[in-house]
């Protein structure tokens, strides 16, 4: 264990490294994975065809969903691990990383609900959150 300014610098470096890692996860999920999943479900609705008629899109949606799920779980596990040693910063750190996590899960849930309704429920293969099945 380091004492004095050396210990302070090591703690500060760990916090900065964690902040950068958290921002990288959030950026990748919100900037890559989630938009791809939402665009793919939009394409499926625009074509007004069942998912079974688009096997390449079905595979891509499956892989995108796995990607988002994996990154969200990895982000959550890193968050839980890193919160153990942050002392008084736990609350602020939890709030600043919990909010993006909840938004991520909400958007993934929306994309999966859209996929479910477009594929299995709506005969026109088009669904809106506030309107339901579209004709």
Protein backbone atom coordinates (compact mmCIF):
# COMPACT_ATOMS: atom_id res chain seq x y z
CA UNK A 1 0.00 0.00 0.00
CA UNK A 2 1.29 3.44 -0.90
CA UNK A 3 1.16 6.36 1.48
CA UNK A 4 0.99 10.09 0.97
CA UNK A 5 0.87 11.62 -2.51
CA UNK A 6 1.85 8.34 -4.21
CA UNK A 7 -1.25 6.64 -2.80
CA UNK A 8 -3.41 9.59 -3.77
CA UNK A 9 -2.04 9.53 -7.35
CA UNK A 10 -2.66 5.77 -7.66
CA UNK A 11 -6.24 6.16 -6.40
CA UNK A 12 -6.84 9.09 -8.77
CA UNK A 13 -5.43 7.11 -11.72
CA UNK A 14 -7.72 4.16 -10.89
CA UNK A 15 -10.75 6.46 -10.80
CA UNK A 16 -9.79 8.11 -14.09
CA UNK A 17 -9.23 4.72 -15.70
CA UNK A 18 -12.63 3.53 -14.49
CA UNK A 19 -14.33 6.70 -15.76
CA UNK A 20 -12.77 6.23 -19.18
CA UNK A 21 -13.78 2.58 -19.26
CA UNK A 22 -17.37 3.45 -18.27
CA UNK A 23 -17.58 6.15 -20.93
CA UNK A 24 -16.21 3.72 -23.52
CA UNK A 25 -18.90 1.16 -22.66
CA UNK A 26 -21.64 3.77 -22.70
CA UNK A 27 -20.37 5.19 -26.01
CA UNK A 28 -20.20 1.78 -27.65
CA UNK A 29 -23.65 0.77 -26.50
CA UNK A 30 -25.39 4.08 -27.31
CA UNK A 31 -23.30 4.86 -30.38
CA UNK A 32 -23.04 1.44 -32.02
CA UNK A 33 -25.11 -1.42 -30.67
CA UNK A 34 -28.44 0.19 -29.77
CA UNK A 35 -28.76 2.31 -32.94
CA UNK A 36 -27.97 -0.76 -35.05
CA UNK A 37 -30.66 -2.78 -33.27
CA UNK A 38 -33.24 0.00 -33.64
CA UNK A 39 -32.39 0.59 -37.31
CA UNK A 40 -32.66 -3.12 -38.06
CA UNK A 41 -36.10 -3.37 -36.48
CA UNK A 42 -37.14 -0.24 -38.41
CA UNK A 43 -36.00 -1.85 -41.66
CA UNK A 44 -38.02 -4.93 -40.83
CA UNK A 45 -41.13 -2.79 -40.27
CA UNK A 46 -40.52 -0.76 -43.44
CA UNK A 47 -40.38 -3.90 -45.56
CA UNK A 48 -43.65 -5.15 -44.02
CA UNK A 49 -42.48 -8.72 -44.35
CA UNK A 50 -42.19 -11.37 -41.66
CA UNK A 51 -38.80 -12.00 -40.13
CA UNK A 52 -38.85 -15.53 -41.54
CA UNK A 53 -38.70 -14.00 -45.05
CA UNK A 54 -35.47 -12.18 -44.17
CA UNK A 55 -32.99 -14.78 -42.82
CA UNK A 56 -29.96 -12.46 -43.11
CA UNK A 57 -31.77 -9.72 -41.19
CA UNK A 58 -32.92 -12.30 -38.63
CA UNK A 59 -29.33 -13.43 -38.04
CA UNK A 60 -28.14 -9.83 -37.84
CA UNK A 61 -30.89 -8.96 -35.32
CA UNK A 62 -29.97 -11.99 -33.24
CA UNK A 63 -26.28 -11.05 -33.21
CA UNK A 64 -27.07 -7.39 -32.47
CA UNK A 65 -29.26 -8.41 -29.53
CA UNK A 66 -26.50 -10.66 -28.19
CA UNK A 67 -23.99 -7.85 -28.63
CA UNK A 68 -26.11 -5.34 -26.72
CA UNK A 69 -26.89 -7.88 -24.01
CA UNK A 70 -23.24 -8.87 -23.61
CA UNK A 71 -22.04 -5.27 -23.43
CA UNK A 72 -24.75 -4.31 -20.95
CA UNK A 73 -23.94 -7.27 -18.68
CA UNK A 74 -20.21 -6.54 -18.95
CA UNK A 75 -20.83 -2.87 -18.12
CA UNK A 76 -22.97 -3.85 -15.10
CA UNK A 77 -20.40 -6.34 -13.80
CA UNK A 78 -17.59 -3.79 -14.12
CA UNK A 79 -19.74 -1.22 -12.36
CA UNK A 80 -20.48 -3.55 -9.44
CA UNK A 81 -16.82 -4.55 -9.15
CA UNK A 82 -15.54 -0.99 -9.27
CA UNK A 83 -18.07 0.42 -6.80
CA UNK A 84 -16.58 -1.70 -4.00
CA UNK A 85 -13.59 0.56 -3.53
CA UNK A 86 -14.82 4.10 -4.18
CA UNK A 87 -15.83 5.14 -0.66
CA UNK A 88 -17.76 8.43 -0.56
CA UNK A 89 -17.98 8.61 -4.35
CA UNK A 90 -20.19 5.52 -4.53
CA UNK A 91 -23.47 7.41 -4.66
CA UNK A 92 -22.42 9.88 -7.35
CA UNK A 93 -20.70 7.16 -9.34
CA UNK A 94 -23.70 4.82 -9.05
CA UNK A 95 -26.12 7.51 -10.23
CA UNK A 96 -23.98 8.57 -13.20
CA UNK A 97 -23.63 4.99 -14.38
CA UNK A 98 -27.00 3.64 -13.25
CA UNK A 99 -29.01 6.11 -15.33
CA UNK A 100 -27.35 5.11 -18.63
CA UNK A 101 -27.78 1.46 -17.62
CA UNK A 102 -31.52 1.88 -17.08
CA UNK A 103 -31.85 3.75 -20.38
CA UNK A 104 -29.93 0.96 -22.14
CA UNK A 105 -32.22 -1.72 -20.74
CA UNK A 106 -35.30 0.32 -21.63
CA UNK A 107 -34.19 0.77 -25.25
CA UNK A 108 -33.27 -2.91 -25.56
CA UNK A 109 -36.69 -3.80 -24.16
CA UNK A 110 -38.33 -1.47 -26.67
CA UNK A 111 -36.40 -3.02 -29.58
CA UNK A 112 -37.28 -6.55 -28.43
CA UNK A 113 -40.95 -5.63 -27.95
CA UNK A 114 -40.98 -4.09 -31.42
CA UNK A 115 -39.40 -7.24 -32.85
CA UNK A 116 -41.90 -9.48 -31.06
CA UNK A 117 -44.96 -7.53 -32.20
CA UNK A 118 -43.73 -7.09 -35.78
CA UNK A 119 -42.92 -10.78 -36.08
CA UNK A 120 -45.66 -12.58 -34.14
CA UNK A 121 -48.60 -10.27 -33.45
CA UNK A 122 -49.17 -7.64 -36.14
CA UNK A 123 -50.45 -8.94 -39.46
CA UNK A 124 -49.12 -5.88 -41.34
CA UNK A 125 -45.71 -6.38 -39.64
CA UNK A 126 -45.67 -2.81 -38.37
CA UNK A 127 -45.92 -1.69 -34.73
CA UNK A 128 -45.67 1.56 -32.80
CA UNK A 129 -45.28 2.03 -29.05
CA UNK A 130 -48.20 4.45 -28.73
CA UNK A 131 -50.31 3.17 -31.63
CA UNK A 132 -49.91 -0.59 -31.42
CA UNK A 133 -50.28 -2.62 -34.60
CA UNK A 134 -50.49 -0.47 -37.71
CA UNK A 135 -52.61 -1.43 -40.67
